[in-house]
Amino acid sequence: MSLLEPLLTTTIPWVLDRGKNTPLHFGDPVAELALLQEHTALVDFSHRGSLVISGNDRVDFLSGLVTNQIKNLAPTQSIYTTMLSPQGRFLWDFTLIDHGPEYVLDTEPDSVPDLKKSLEFYRLRSKVQIQDQSTQIVTLGLVGPTAGTSIARIFPTVASVDYSTAPLGTTWVLENAIRLWRDPRHPDFGYRLQVPVSGFAELWQRLRAVLPPAGHWAWEAYRILHALPRGGAEWTSGETLPLEAGALEMNAVSFQKGCYVG
């Protein structure tokens, strides 16, 4: 279920995306695609999965499992990474956001059960805790060429920040525990907002006062038009070799770190 469903007062069509409901469109999918291409639109990612990793060993634990450099992760810098099979094939991808004493893994809706199980398999004696917080953490997207300007209008207290020129992965901690980051994969992925579920309704209304929404049809069309791969779609679990499929170009790989699975 999308956490957005209880907030909508109008009837819209829904579609299953990896087993979870998300809006198919909000009335005119072609116009919504045009917004993503030419202006900015609000995209519902509230159905995505969120795993929380805490504990003193979380840095070393993840460093031995993922393709990117965990030591680059900071409250002001999010990273994108993948996990591989022992044979070096793609299994899962996710963005890591540093919440201080814990890391949040933003991942595909259907990845959570197997990803959590795999992390627990490798935990052994590491002092880490792994929790599924998918119903407690909400993620939204702000996508389009004018997204930086729109963000400055929505959050005027930080309007002096030039979001459009910030390096990929740059992360800001805003009011009411809202985290904003520029997607670390590619500029065309736009920005993401993350908020505790308790603040989701207020944030959604605040964003909707400035931005129109775009549904799943428009987002998928936009993503494909911009050649932005998706784990579980263009990247096939257990088959895809990441370096042959754009993982390096998507900033998911570091060659300045130690060994990891795969």
C-alpha atoms as a PDB file:
ATOM      1  CA  MET A   1       0.000   0.000   0.000  1.00  0.00           C
ATOM      2  CA  SER A   2       1.168   3.521  -0.793  1.00  0.00           C
ATOM      3  CA  LEU A   3       1.246   5.714   2.291  1.00  0.00           C
ATOM      4  CA  LEU A   4      -0.246   8.387   0.037  1.00  0.00           C
ATOM      5  CA  GLU A   5      -3.629   6.661  -0.334  1.00  0.00           C
ATOM      6  CA  PRO A   6      -5.237   8.018   2.868  1.00  0.00           C
ATOM      7  CA  LEU A   7      -4.291  11.594   1.929  1.00  0.00           C
ATOM      8  CA  LEU A   8      -6.017  11.791  -1.458  1.00  0.00           C
ATOM      9  CA  THR A   9      -9.548  13.151  -1.629  1.00  0.00           C
ATOM     10  CA  THR A  10     -10.136  12.484  -5.329  1.00  0.00           C
ATOM     11  CA  THR A  11     -10.495   9.158  -7.109  1.00  0.00           C
ATOM     12  CA  ILE A  12      -7.471   8.227  -9.209  1.00  0.00           C
ATOM     13  CA  PRO A  13      -6.327   4.976 -10.861  1.00  0.00           C
ATOM     14  CA  TRP A  14      -3.750   2.928  -8.983  1.00  0.00           C
ATOM     15  CA  VAL A  15      -1.199   0.415 -10.234  1.00  0.00           C
ATOM     16  CA  LEU A  16       0.910  -2.232  -8.547  1.00  0.00           C
ATOM     17  CA  ASP A  17       4.610  -1.416  -8.656  1.00  0.00           C
ATOM     18  CA  ARG A  18       6.630  -4.331  -7.323  1.00  0.00           C
ATOM     19  CA  GLY A  19       3.634  -5.480  -5.312  1.00  0.00           C
ATOM     20  CA  LYS A  20       2.779  -2.083  -3.798  1.00  0.00           C
ATOM     21  CA  ASN A  21       0.116   0.430  -4.824  1.00  0.00           C
ATOM     22  CA  THR A  22       1.164   3.728  -6.350  1.00  0.00           C
ATOM     23  CA  PRO A  23      -0.830   6.282  -8.410  1.00  0.00           C
ATOM     24  CA  LEU A  24      -0.898   5.380 -12.109  1.00  0.00           C
ATOM     25  CA  HIS A  25      -1.663   8.993 -12.965  1.00  0.00           C
ATOM     26  CA  PHE A  26      -3.474  12.030 -11.590  1.00  0.00           C
ATOM     27  CA  GLY A  27      -5.685  12.708 -14.605  1.00  0.00           C
ATOM     28  CA  ASP A  28      -3.416  13.321 -17.598  1.00  0.00           C
ATOM     29  CA  PRO A  29      -0.309  11.121 -17.801  1.00  0.00           C
ATOM     30  CA  VAL A  30       1.003  12.779 -20.963  1.00  0.00           C
ATOM     31  CA  ALA A  31       0.837  16.217 -19.347  1.00  0.00           C
ATOM     32  CA  GLU A  32       2.524  14.786 -16.253  1.00  0.00           C
ATOM     33  CA  LEU A  33       5.389  13.507 -18.398  1.00  0.00           C
ATOM     34  CA  ALA A  34       5.716  16.965 -19.949  1.00  0.00           C
ATOM     35  CA  LEU A  35       6.012  18.452 -16.457  1.00  0.00           C
ATOM     36  CA  LEU A  36       8.859  16.086 -15.630  1.00  0.00           C
ATOM     37  CA  GLN A  37      10.580  16.911 -18.910  1.00  0.00           C
ATOM     38  CA  GLU A  38      10.106  20.669 -18.924  1.00  0.00           C
ATOM     39  CA  HIS A  39       9.333  21.885 -15.393  1.00  0.00           C
ATOM     40  CA  THR A  40       9.062  19.955 -12.094  1.00  0.00           C
ATOM     41  CA  ALA A  41       6.626  17.424 -10.688  1.00  0.00           C
ATOM     42  CA  LEU A  42       6.110  15.664  -7.382  1.00  0.00           C
ATOM     43  CA  VAL A  43       6.524  11.871  -7.608  1.00  0.00           C
ATOM     44  CA  ASP A  44       5.145   9.433  -5.047  1.00  0.00           C
ATOM     45  CA  PHE A  45       7.794   7.018  -3.790  1.00  0.00           C
ATOM     46  CA  SER A  46       6.045   6.368  -0.490  1.00  0.00           C
ATOM     47  CA  HIS A  47       5.627   2.702  -1.414  1.00  0.00           C
ATOM     48  CA  ARG A  48       9.381   2.126  -1.559  1.00  0.00           C
ATOM     49  CA  GLY A  49      11.169   0.088   1.075  1.00  0.00           C
ATOM     50  CA  SER A  50      13.224   1.440   3.974  1.00  0.00           C
ATOM     51  CA  LEU A  51      15.649  -0.566   6.079  1.00  0.00           C
ATOM     52  CA  VAL A  52      17.353   1.031   9.077  1.00  0.00           C
ATOM     53  CA  ILE A  53      20.817  -0.119  10.146  1.00  0.00           C
ATOM     54  CA  SER A  54      22.124   0.988  13.523  1.00  0.00           C
ATOM     55  CA  GLY A  55      24.893  -0.101  15.877  1.00  0.00           C
ATOM     56  CA  ASN A  56      28.567   0.667  16.419  1.00  0.00           C
ATOM     57  CA  ASP A  57      29.776  -1.685  13.677  1.00  0.00           C
ATOM     58  CA  ARG A  58      27.492  -0.423  10.907  1.00  0.00           C
ATOM     59  CA  VAL A  59      30.313   1.202   8.885  1.00  0.00           C
ATOM     60  CA  ASP A  60      32.616  -1.830   8.783  1.00  0.00           C
ATOM     61  CA  PHE A  61      29.655  -4.184   8.388  1.00  0.00           C
ATOM     62  CA  LEU A  62      28.338  -2.474   5.263  1.00  0.00           C
ATOM     63  CA  SER A  63      31.792  -1.755   3.882  1.00  0.00           C
ATOM     64  CA  GLY A  64      32.393  -5.472   3.414  1.00  0.00           C
ATOM     65  CA  LEU A  65      29.124  -5.956   1.551  1.00  0.00           C
ATOM     66  CA  VAL A  66      28.522  -3.070  -0.862  1.00  0.00           C
ATOM     67  CA  THR A  67      30.255  -1.744  -3.968  1.00  0.00           C
ATOM     68  CA  ASN A  68      30.603   1.883  -2.877  1.00  0.00           C
ATOM     69  CA  GLN A  69      32.751   3.568  -0.239  1.00  0.00           C
ATOM     70  CA  ILE A  70      30.747   3.690   3.001  1.00  0.00           C
ATOM     71  CA  LYS A  71      33.247   6.098   4.542  1.00  0.00           C
ATOM     72  CA  ASN A  72      32.013   8.761   2.104  1.00  0.00           C
ATOM     73  CA  LEU A  73      28.582   8.594   3.729  1.00  0.00           C
ATOM     74  CA  ALA A  74      27.822  11.546   6.031  1.00  0.00           C
ATOM     75  CA  PRO A  75      24.809  13.549   7.235  1.00  0.00           C
ATOM     76  CA  THR A  76      25.557  15.944   4.359  1.00  0.00           C
ATOM     77  CA  GLN A  77      26.305  13.257   1.757  1.00  0.00           C
ATOM     78  CA  SER A  78      24.185  10.298   0.660  1.00  0.00           C
ATOM     79  CA  ILE A  79      25.506   7.532  -1.590  1.00  0.00           C
ATOM     80  CA  TYR A  80      24.113   5.015  -4.053  1.00  0.00           C
ATOM     81  CA  THR A  81      25.412   1.456  -3.992  1.00  0.00           C
ATOM     82  CA  THR A  82      24.711  -2.161  -4.892  1.00  0.00           C
ATOM     83  CA  MET A  83      25.099  -5.599  -3.336  1.00  0.00           C
ATOM     84  CA  LEU A  84      26.383  -8.456  -5.460  1.00  0.00           C
ATOM     85  CA  SER A  85      26.302 -12.221  -5.409  1.00  0.00           C
ATOM     86  CA  PRO A  86      29.563 -14.091  -4.680  1.00  0.00           C
ATOM     87  CA  GLN A  87      29.817 -14.478  -8.477  1.00  0.00           C
ATOM     88  CA  GLY A  88      29.746 -10.704  -8.958  1.00  0.00           C
ATOM     89  CA  ARG A  89      26.181 -10.480 -10.281  1.00  0.00           C
ATOM     90  CA  PHE A  90      23.779  -7.733  -9.303  1.00  0.00           C
ATOM     91  CA  LEU A  91      21.355  -8.518  -6.474  1.00  0.00           C
ATOM     92  CA  TRP A  92      20.037  -5.252  -4.980  1.00  0.00           C
ATOM     93  CA  ASP A  93      20.611  -1.517  -5.225  1.00  0.00           C
ATOM     94  CA  PHE A  94      19.796   1.209  -2.738  1.00  0.00           C
ATOM     95  CA  THR A  95      20.584   4.728  -1.598  1.00  0.00           C
ATOM     96  CA  LEU A  96      22.104   5.146   1.858  1.00  0.00           C
ATOM     97  CA  ILE A  97      21.154   8.206   3.914  1.00  0.00           C
ATOM     98  CA  ASP A  98      23.043   9.018   7.108  1.00  0.00           C
ATOM     99  CA  HIS A  99      20.626   9.789   9.947  1.00  0.00           C
ATOM    100  CA  GLY A 100      23.362  10.184  12.555  1.00  0.00           C
ATOM    101  CA  PRO A 101      23.214   7.098  14.800  1.00  0.00           C
ATOM    102  CA  GLU A 102      21.657   5.035  12.015  1.00  0.00           C
ATOM    103  CA  TYR A 103      21.638   4.595   8.260  1.00  0.00           C
ATOM    104  CA  VAL A 104      18.483   4.405   6.154  1.00  0.00           C
ATOM    105  CA  LEU A 105      18.532   2.195   3.046  1.00  0.00           C
ATOM    106  CA  ASP A 106      16.046   3.439   0.456  1.00  0.00           C
ATOM    107  CA  THR A 107      15.335   0.514  -1.862  1.00  0.00           C
ATOM    108  CA  GLU A 108      12.810  -1.116  -4.180  1.00  0.00           C
ATOM    109  CA  PRO A 109       9.437  -2.099  -2.656  1.00  0.00           C
ATOM    110  CA  ASP A 110       9.984  -5.810  -3.237  1.00  0.00           C
ATOM    111  CA  SER A 111      13.648  -5.890  -2.181  1.00  0.00           C
ATOM    112  CA  VAL A 112      13.121  -5.531   1.556  1.00  0.00           C
ATOM    113  CA  PRO A 113      12.460  -9.144   2.653  1.00  0.00           C
ATOM    114  CA  ASP A 114      15.372 -10.762   0.793  1.00  0.00           C
ATOM    115  CA  LEU A 115      17.737  -7.836   1.340  1.00  0.00           C
ATOM    116  CA  LYS A 116      17.053  -7.862   5.080  1.00  0.00           C
ATOM    117  CA  LYS A 117      17.527 -11.637   5.193  1.00  0.00           C
ATOM    118  CA  SER A 118      20.865 -11.343   3.377  1.00  0.00           C
ATOM    119  CA  LEU A 119      22.110  -8.585   5.677  1.00  0.00           C
ATOM    120  CA  GLU A 120      21.175 -10.671   8.704  1.00  0.00           C
ATOM    121  CA  PHE A 121      23.013 -13.665   7.209  1.00  0.00           C
ATOM    122  CA  TYR A 122      26.239 -11.647   7.008  1.00  0.00           C
ATOM    123  CA  ARG A 123      25.806  -9.948  10.391  1.00  0.00           C
ATOM    124  CA  LEU A 124      27.445 -12.751  12.443  1.00  0.00           C
ATOM    125  CA  ARG A 125      28.902 -11.032  15.533  1.00  0.00           C
ATOM    126  CA  SER A 126      28.777  -7.498  14.158  1.00  0.00           C
ATOM    127  CA  LYS A 127      27.157  -5.043  16.529  1.00  0.00           C
ATOM    128  CA  VAL A 128      24.399  -3.924  14.189  1.00  0.00           C
ATOM    129  CA  GLN A 129      20.617  -3.945  14.218  1.00  0.00           C
ATOM    130  CA  ILE A 130      18.557  -4.205  11.028  1.00  0.00           C
ATOM    131  CA  GLN A 131      14.919  -3.083  11.020  1.00  0.00           C
ATOM    132  CA  ASP A 132      12.244  -2.828   8.354  1.00  0.00           C
ATOM    133  CA  GLN A 133      10.863   0.708   8.707  1.00  0.00           C
ATOM    134  CA  SER A 134       9.041   0.878   5.366  1.00  0.00           C
ATOM    135  CA  THR A 135       5.776   1.980   6.991  1.00  0.00           C
ATOM    136  CA  GLN A 136       7.502   4.568   9.197  1.00  0.00           C
ATOM    137  CA  ILE A 137       9.680   6.427   6.680  1.00  0.00           C
ATOM    138  CA  VAL A 138       8.277   8.151   3.591  1.00  0.00           C
ATOM    139  CA  THR A 139      10.211   9.104   0.460  1.00  0.00           C
ATOM    140  CA  LEU A 140       9.045  11.483  -2.278  1.00  0.00           C
ATOM    141  CA  GLY A 141      10.670  12.705  -5.481  1.00  0.00           C
ATOM    142  CA  LEU A 142      11.011  16.206  -6.925  1.00  0.00           C
ATOM    143  CA  VAL A 143      11.990  15.754 -10.553  1.00  0.00           C
ATOM    144  CA  GLY A 144      12.454  18.146 -13.456  1.00  0.00           C
ATOM    145  CA  PRO A 145      14.784  20.878 -14.737  1.00  0.00           C
ATOM    146  CA  THR A 146      13.340  23.542 -12.405  1.00  0.00           C
ATOM    147  CA  ALA A 147      13.344  21.370  -9.269  1.00  0.00           C
ATOM    148  CA  GLY A 148      16.073  23.397  -7.558  1.00  0.00           C
ATOM    149  CA  THR A 149      14.076  26.612  -7.895  1.00  0.00           C
ATOM    150  CA  SER A 150      10.927  24.884  -6.649  1.00  0.00           C
ATOM    151  CA  ILE A 151      12.724  23.571  -3.570  1.00  0.00           C
ATOM    152  CA  ALA A 152      13.899  27.076  -2.695  1.00  0.00           C
ATOM    153  CA  ARG A 153      10.283  28.289  -2.859  1.00  0.00           C
ATOM    154  CA  ILE A 154       8.997  25.452  -0.683  1.00  0.00           C
ATOM    155  CA  PHE A 155      11.720  25.810   1.947  1.00  0.00           C
ATOM    156  CA  PRO A 156      12.461  29.567   2.019  1.00  0.00           C
ATOM    157  CA  THR A 157      14.623  29.353   5.151  1.00  0.00           C
ATOM    158  CA  VAL A 158      17.323  27.777   3.002  1.00  0.00           C
ATOM    159  CA  ALA A 159      16.495  29.669  -0.192  1.00  0.00           C
ATOM    160  CA  SER A 160      20.083  30.951  -0.450  1.00  0.00           C
ATOM    161  CA  VAL A 161      21.265  27.426  -1.297  1.00  0.00           C
ATOM    162  CA  ASP A 162      21.801  26.786  -5.008  1.00  0.00           C
ATOM    163  CA  TYR A 163      20.333  23.304  -5.195  1.00  0.00           C
ATOM    164  CA  SER A 164      20.770  23.026  -8.946  1.00  0.00           C
ATOM    165  CA  THR A 165      24.583  23.178  -8.757  1.00  0.00           C
ATOM    166  CA  ALA A 166      25.068  21.072  -5.618  1.00  0.00           C
ATOM    167  CA  PRO A 167      27.102  17.890  -6.206  1.00  0.00           C
ATOM    168  CA  LEU A 168      25.153  14.663  -6.579  1.00  0.00           C
ATOM    169  CA  GLY A 169      24.358  13.112  -3.218  1.00  0.00           C
ATOM    170  CA  THR A 170      24.478  16.406  -1.329  1.00  0.00           C
ATOM    171  CA  THR A 171      22.082  16.128   1.601  1.00  0.00           C
ATOM    172  CA  TRP A 172      20.345  18.778   3.678  1.00  0.00           C
ATOM    173  CA  VAL A 173      18.606  18.328   7.027  1.00  0.00           C
ATOM    174  CA  LEU A 174      15.575  20.618   7.007  1.00  0.00           C
ATOM    175  CA  GLU A 175      12.961  21.360   9.636  1.00  0.00           C
ATOM    176  CA  ASN A 176      10.746  18.696  11.217  1.00  0.00           C
ATOM    177  CA  ALA A 177      13.246  15.890  10.574  1.00  0.00           C
ATOM    178  CA  ILE A 178      12.899  16.295   6.786  1.00  0.00           C
ATOM    179  CA  ARG A 179      15.912  15.191   4.785  1.00  0.00           C
ATOM    180  CA  LEU A 180      16.490  16.365   1.243  1.00  0.00           C
ATOM    181  CA  TRP A 181      19.156  15.023  -1.073  1.00  0.00           C
ATOM    182  CA  ARG A 182      20.156  15.356  -4.682  1.00  0.00           C
ATOM    183  CA  ASP A 183      19.935  11.851  -6.081  1.00  0.00           C
ATOM    184  CA  PRO A 184      23.505  10.486  -6.177  1.00  0.00           C
ATOM    185  CA  ARG A 185      22.953   8.441  -9.357  1.00  0.00           C
ATOM    186  CA  HIS A 186      22.434  11.023 -12.102  1.00  0.00           C
ATOM    187  CA  PRO A 187      21.174  14.639 -12.368  1.00  0.00           C
ATOM    188  CA  ASP A 188      18.042  13.511 -14.224  1.00  0.00           C
ATOM    189  CA  PHE A 189      16.878  11.529 -11.186  1.00  0.00           C
ATOM    190  CA  GLY A 190      16.220  14.858  -9.442  1.00  0.00           C
ATOM    191  CA  TYR A 191      15.853  15.164  -5.674  1.00  0.00           C
ATOM    192  CA  ARG A 192      14.407  13.059  -2.886  1.00  0.00           C
ATOM    193  CA  LEU A 193      12.682  14.070   0.330  1.00  0.00           C
ATOM    194  CA  GLN A 194      12.425  11.753   3.310  1.00  0.00           C
ATOM    195  CA  VAL A 195      10.267  12.325   6.367  1.00  0.00           C
ATOM    196  CA  PRO A 196       8.890  10.290   9.283  1.00  0.00           C
ATOM    197  CA  VAL A 197       5.365   9.070   8.544  1.00  0.00           C
ATOM    198  CA  SER A 198       4.044  11.360  11.293  1.00  0.00           C
ATOM    199  CA  GLY A 199       5.018  14.397   9.197  1.00  0.00           C
ATOM    200  CA  PHE A 200       4.026  13.038   5.794  1.00  0.00           C
ATOM    201  CA  ALA A 201       0.536  14.561   5.531  1.00  0.00           C
ATOM    202  CA  GLU A 202       1.791  18.057   6.311  1.00  0.00           C
ATOM    203  CA  LEU A 203       4.726  17.731   3.910  1.00  0.00           C
ATOM    204  CA  TRP A 204       2.543  16.415   1.084  1.00  0.00           C
ATOM    205  CA  GLN A 205       0.133  19.349   1.395  1.00  0.00           C
ATOM    206  CA  ARG A 206       3.025  21.789   1.512  1.00  0.00           C
ATOM    207  CA  LEU A 207       4.551  20.349  -1.646  1.00  0.00           C
ATOM    208  CA  ARG A 208       1.207  20.162  -3.456  1.00  0.00           C
ATOM    209  CA  ALA A 209       0.643  23.867  -2.845  1.00  0.00           C
ATOM    210  CA  VAL A 210       3.584  24.528  -5.162  1.00  0.00           C
ATOM    211  CA  LEU A 211       3.992  21.466  -7.388  1.00  0.00           C
ATOM    212  CA  PRO A 212       1.675  19.257  -9.456  1.00  0.00           C
ATOM    213  CA  PRO A 213       2.064  15.485  -9.042  1.00  0.00           C
ATOM    214  CA  ALA A 214       3.114  12.942 -11.658  1.00  0.00           C
ATOM    215  CA  GLY A 215       2.050   9.308 -11.519  1.00  0.00           C
ATOM    216  CA  HIS A 216       3.861   6.050 -12.140  1.00  0.00           C
ATOM    217  CA  TRP A 217       3.175   6.030 -15.889  1.00  0.00           C
ATOM    218  CA  ALA A 218       4.844   9.413 -16.371  1.00  0.00           C
ATOM    219  CA  TRP A 219       7.744   8.554 -14.072  1.00  0.00           C
ATOM    220  CA  GLU A 220       8.501   5.274 -15.847  1.00  0.00           C
ATOM    221  CA  ALA A 221       8.234   6.938 -19.256  1.00  0.00           C
ATOM    222  CA  TYR A 222      10.578   9.715 -18.102  1.00  0.00           C
ATOM    223  CA  ARG A 223      13.044   7.237 -16.626  1.00  0.00           C
ATOM    224  CA  ILE A 224      13.189   5.166 -19.808  1.00  0.00           C
ATOM    225  CA  LEU A 225      13.439   8.219 -22.071  1.00  0.00           C
ATOM    226  CA  HIS A 226      16.442   9.370 -20.029  1.00  0.00           C
ATOM    227  CA  ALA A 227      18.037   5.887 -20.045  1.00  0.00           C
ATOM    228  CA  LEU A 228      17.986   5.682 -16.247  1.00  0.00           C
ATOM    229  CA  PRO A 229      18.213   1.994 -15.274  1.00  0.00           C
ATOM    230  CA  ARG A 230      16.234   0.455 -12.446  1.00  0.00           C
ATOM    231  CA  GLY A 231      17.216  -2.478 -10.267  1.00  0.00           C
ATOM    232  CA  GLY A 232      14.959  -5.432 -10.992  1.00  0.00           C
ATOM    233  CA  ALA A 233      14.005  -4.036 -14.415  1.00  0.00           C
ATOM    234  CA  GLU A 234      16.959  -3.277 -16.693  1.00  0.00           C
ATOM    235  CA  TRP A 235      19.249  -4.705 -14.022  1.00  0.00           C
ATOM    236  CA  THR A 236      18.241  -8.335 -13.481  1.00  0.00           C
ATOM    237  CA  SER A 237      18.912  -9.885 -10.082  1.00  0.00           C
ATOM    238  CA  GLY A 238      21.397 -12.736 -10.281  1.00  0.00           C
ATOM    239  CA  GLU A 239      22.313 -12.016 -13.904  1.00  0.00           C
ATOM    240  CA  THR A 240      23.444  -8.442 -14.567  1.00  0.00           C
ATOM    241  CA  LEU A 241      27.142  -7.564 -14.338  1.00  0.00           C
ATOM    242  CA  PRO A 242      27.057  -4.043 -12.843  1.00  0.00           C
ATOM    243  CA  LEU A 243      30.108  -2.650 -14.635  1.00  0.00           C
ATOM    244  CA  GLU A 244      28.590  -3.666 -17.968  1.00  0.00           C
ATOM    245  CA  ALA A 245      25.252  -2.065 -17.101  1.00  0.00           C
ATOM    246  CA  GLY A 246      26.207   1.439 -16.006  1.00  0.00           C
ATOM    247  CA  ALA A 247      26.885   1.028 -12.280  1.00  0.00           C
ATOM    248  CA  LEU A 248      30.107   3.023 -12.528  1.00  0.00           C
ATOM    249  CA  GLU A 249      28.388   5.805 -14.468  1.00  0.00           C
ATOM    250  CA  MET A 250      25.643   5.787 -11.808  1.00  0.00           C
ATOM    251  CA  ASN A 251      28.224   6.374  -9.059  1.00  0.00           C
ATOM    252  CA  ALA A 252      27.581   3.004  -7.398  1.00  0.00           C
ATOM    253  CA  VAL A 253      31.180   1.734  -7.409  1.00  0.00           C
ATOM    254  CA  SER A 254      34.363   2.822  -5.650  1.00  0.00           C
ATOM    255  CA  PHE A 255      37.805   1.488  -6.569  1.00  0.00           C
ATOM    256  CA  GLN A 256      39.360   3.136  -3.487  1.00  0.00           C
ATOM    257  CA  LYS A 257      38.043   0.712  -0.875  1.00  0.00           C
ATOM    258  CA  GLY A 258      38.723  -2.772   0.436  1.00  0.00           C
ATOM    259  CA  CYS A 259      37.159  -6.071  -0.552  1.00  0.00           C
ATOM    260  CA  TYR A 260      33.444  -6.791  -0.598  1.00  0.00           C
ATOM    261  CA  VAL A 261      31.218  -9.686  -1.610  1.00  0.00           C
ATOM    262  CA  GLY A 262      31.326 -10.259  -5.374  1.00  0.00           C
END
